[in-house]
Amino acid sequence: MQTPGNAVLLRIYTDENALLGDRSLIDVIVRRAQEAKLSGATVLRGLKGFGQAVRLHEHRPFGLNDNLPVVIELVDQDDALRRFVAALDDLNDIGLVTFEKVEVLRYGGHRHGAGEAQS
């Protein structure tokens, strides 16, 4: 996605402890999004939540056994995101996946730090 306009917001709901083998599911999804050359990904950590299993995910005293809810957000063109979701079929611990039409008003504009390539 290069310019402002209509796009789609993809949200993938999971939890911090979800794994694919010995790798964090969050890391796997974000790396795959990067490899698919999607516009970007943001991982949001929730304070509390539950899903289909109705198991409450929340912070516990002293942080023991925390397993907080996580939302991975990606914004790009509809076709690119649908291809991306189709490529995630091998991931079992993904919870809810949603698409929402959004209007992008601004894209980019961050200053690149030392060592970062500009595109």
Protein backbone atom coordinates (compact mmCIF):
# COMPACT_ATOMS: atom_id res chain seq x y z
CA MET A 1 0.00 0.00 0.00
CA GLN A 2 1.65 3.20 -1.12
CA THR A 3 -0.91 5.99 -0.99
CA PRO A 4 -3.86 7.06 1.17
CA GLY A 5 -7.31 5.82 0.17
CA ASN A 6 -9.54 2.85 0.85
CA ALA A 7 -7.95 -0.15 2.53
CA VAL A 8 -8.78 -3.00 4.90
CA LEU A 9 -7.89 -3.50 8.55
CA LEU A 10 -7.15 -7.12 9.41
CA ARG A 11 -7.28 -8.08 13.07
CA ILE A 12 -6.02 -11.42 14.36
CA TYR A 13 -6.92 -12.28 17.95
CA THR A 14 -4.76 -14.69 19.92
CA ASP A 15 -2.89 -14.79 23.24
CA GLU A 16 0.68 -14.29 24.36
CA ASN A 17 1.37 -17.96 25.03
CA ALA A 18 0.15 -19.30 21.68
CA LEU A 19 2.93 -21.26 19.99
CA LEU A 20 3.77 -22.83 16.66
CA GLY A 21 6.20 -25.52 17.73
CA ASP A 22 8.70 -23.67 19.90
CA ARG A 23 8.09 -20.25 18.29
CA SER A 24 5.69 -17.56 19.42
CA LEU A 25 2.64 -17.41 17.16
CA ILE A 26 2.82 -13.61 17.31
CA ASP A 27 6.38 -13.66 15.96
CA VAL A 28 5.45 -16.14 13.23
CA ILE A 29 2.54 -13.99 12.03
CA VAL A 30 4.49 -10.72 12.08
CA ARG A 31 7.46 -12.31 10.24
CA ARG A 32 5.13 -13.77 7.61
CA ALA A 33 3.48 -10.36 7.17
CA GLN A 34 6.92 -8.83 6.67
CA GLU A 35 7.90 -11.55 4.18
CA ALA A 36 4.60 -10.97 2.32
CA LYS A 37 5.63 -7.30 2.03
CA LEU A 38 2.46 -6.08 3.73
CA SER A 39 2.37 -2.43 4.74
CA GLY A 40 3.05 -3.11 8.41
CA ALA A 41 1.89 -4.88 11.53
CA THR A 42 1.17 -3.74 15.07
CA VAL A 43 0.80 -6.07 18.04
CA LEU A 44 -1.50 -4.82 20.81
CA ARG A 45 -1.47 -6.42 24.25
CA GLY A 46 -4.79 -6.50 26.10
CA LEU A 47 -5.40 -6.20 29.81
CA LYS A 48 -8.10 -8.83 29.97
CA GLY A 49 -10.26 -10.87 27.63
CA PHE A 50 -11.76 -14.20 26.68
CA GLY A 51 -12.64 -16.01 23.49
CA GLN A 52 -14.55 -19.04 22.30
CA ALA A 53 -13.12 -21.27 25.06
CA VAL A 54 -14.42 -18.74 27.65
CA ARG A 55 -11.09 -19.01 29.48
CA LEU A 56 -10.31 -15.61 31.01
CA HIS A 57 -6.94 -14.16 30.04
CA GLU A 58 -5.79 -11.58 32.57
CA HIS A 59 -2.86 -10.33 34.60
CA ARG A 60 -2.22 -12.27 37.77
CA PRO A 61 -0.43 -11.02 40.89
CA PHE A 62 3.34 -11.04 40.47
CA GLY A 63 2.91 -11.84 36.78
CA LEU A 64 2.90 -15.60 37.37
CA ASN A 65 1.35 -17.51 34.49
CA ASP A 66 0.14 -14.38 32.70
CA ASN A 67 -1.35 -15.14 29.32
CA LEU A 68 -2.79 -11.87 28.11
CA PRO A 69 -4.91 -11.41 25.00
CA VAL A 70 -3.15 -10.06 21.92
CA VAL A 71 -4.47 -8.43 18.76
CA ILE A 72 -2.31 -8.22 15.64
CA GLU A 73 -3.43 -5.42 13.31
CA LEU A 74 -2.46 -5.06 9.66
CA VAL A 75 -3.71 -2.48 7.16
CA ASP A 76 -3.32 -3.08 3.43
CA GLN A 77 -5.33 -3.75 0.30
CA ASP A 78 -8.13 -6.34 0.52
CA ASP A 79 -6.62 -8.81 -1.95
CA ALA A 80 -3.18 -8.76 -0.27
CA LEU A 81 -4.70 -9.41 3.16
CA ARG A 82 -6.98 -12.19 1.93
CA ARG A 83 -3.96 -13.95 0.36
CA PHE A 84 -2.11 -13.48 3.64
CA VAL A 85 -4.92 -14.98 5.74
CA ALA A 86 -5.19 -17.95 3.36
CA ALA A 87 -1.46 -18.58 3.91
CA LEU A 88 -2.05 -18.83 7.68
CA ASP A 89 -4.14 -22.02 7.43
CA ASP A 90 -1.41 -24.04 9.15
CA LEU A 91 -1.68 -21.95 12.35
CA ASN A 92 -4.06 -23.59 14.81
CA ASP A 93 -4.02 -21.18 17.77
CA ILE A 94 -5.37 -18.17 15.92
CA GLY A 95 -8.64 -17.05 17.41
CA LEU A 96 -10.96 -14.60 15.73
CA VAL A 97 -9.92 -13.03 12.40
CA THR A 98 -11.78 -9.92 11.22
CA PHE A 99 -11.72 -7.57 8.23
CA GLU A 100 -12.93 -3.99 8.38
CA LYS A 101 -12.98 -1.40 5.61
CA VAL A 102 -10.99 1.69 6.56
CA GLU A 103 -10.06 4.96 4.93
CA VAL A 104 -6.36 5.73 5.14
CA LEU A 105 -5.81 9.47 5.53
CA ARG A 106 -2.06 9.40 5.84
CA TYR A 107 0.54 6.74 5.20
CA GLY A 108 4.18 7.03 6.19
CA GLY A 109 5.78 10.24 7.28
CA HIS A 110 7.97 8.72 9.97
CA ARG A 111 11.56 9.81 9.91
CA HIS A 112 13.90 6.93 9.28
CA GLY A 113 16.54 6.35 11.94
CA ALA A 114 20.18 5.71 11.26
CA GLY A 115 20.70 2.53 9.28
CA GLU A 116 17.11 2.31 8.01
CA ALA A 117 16.54 2.31 4.30
CA GLN A 118 13.94 4.66 2.90
CA SER A 119 11.44 3.28 0.42
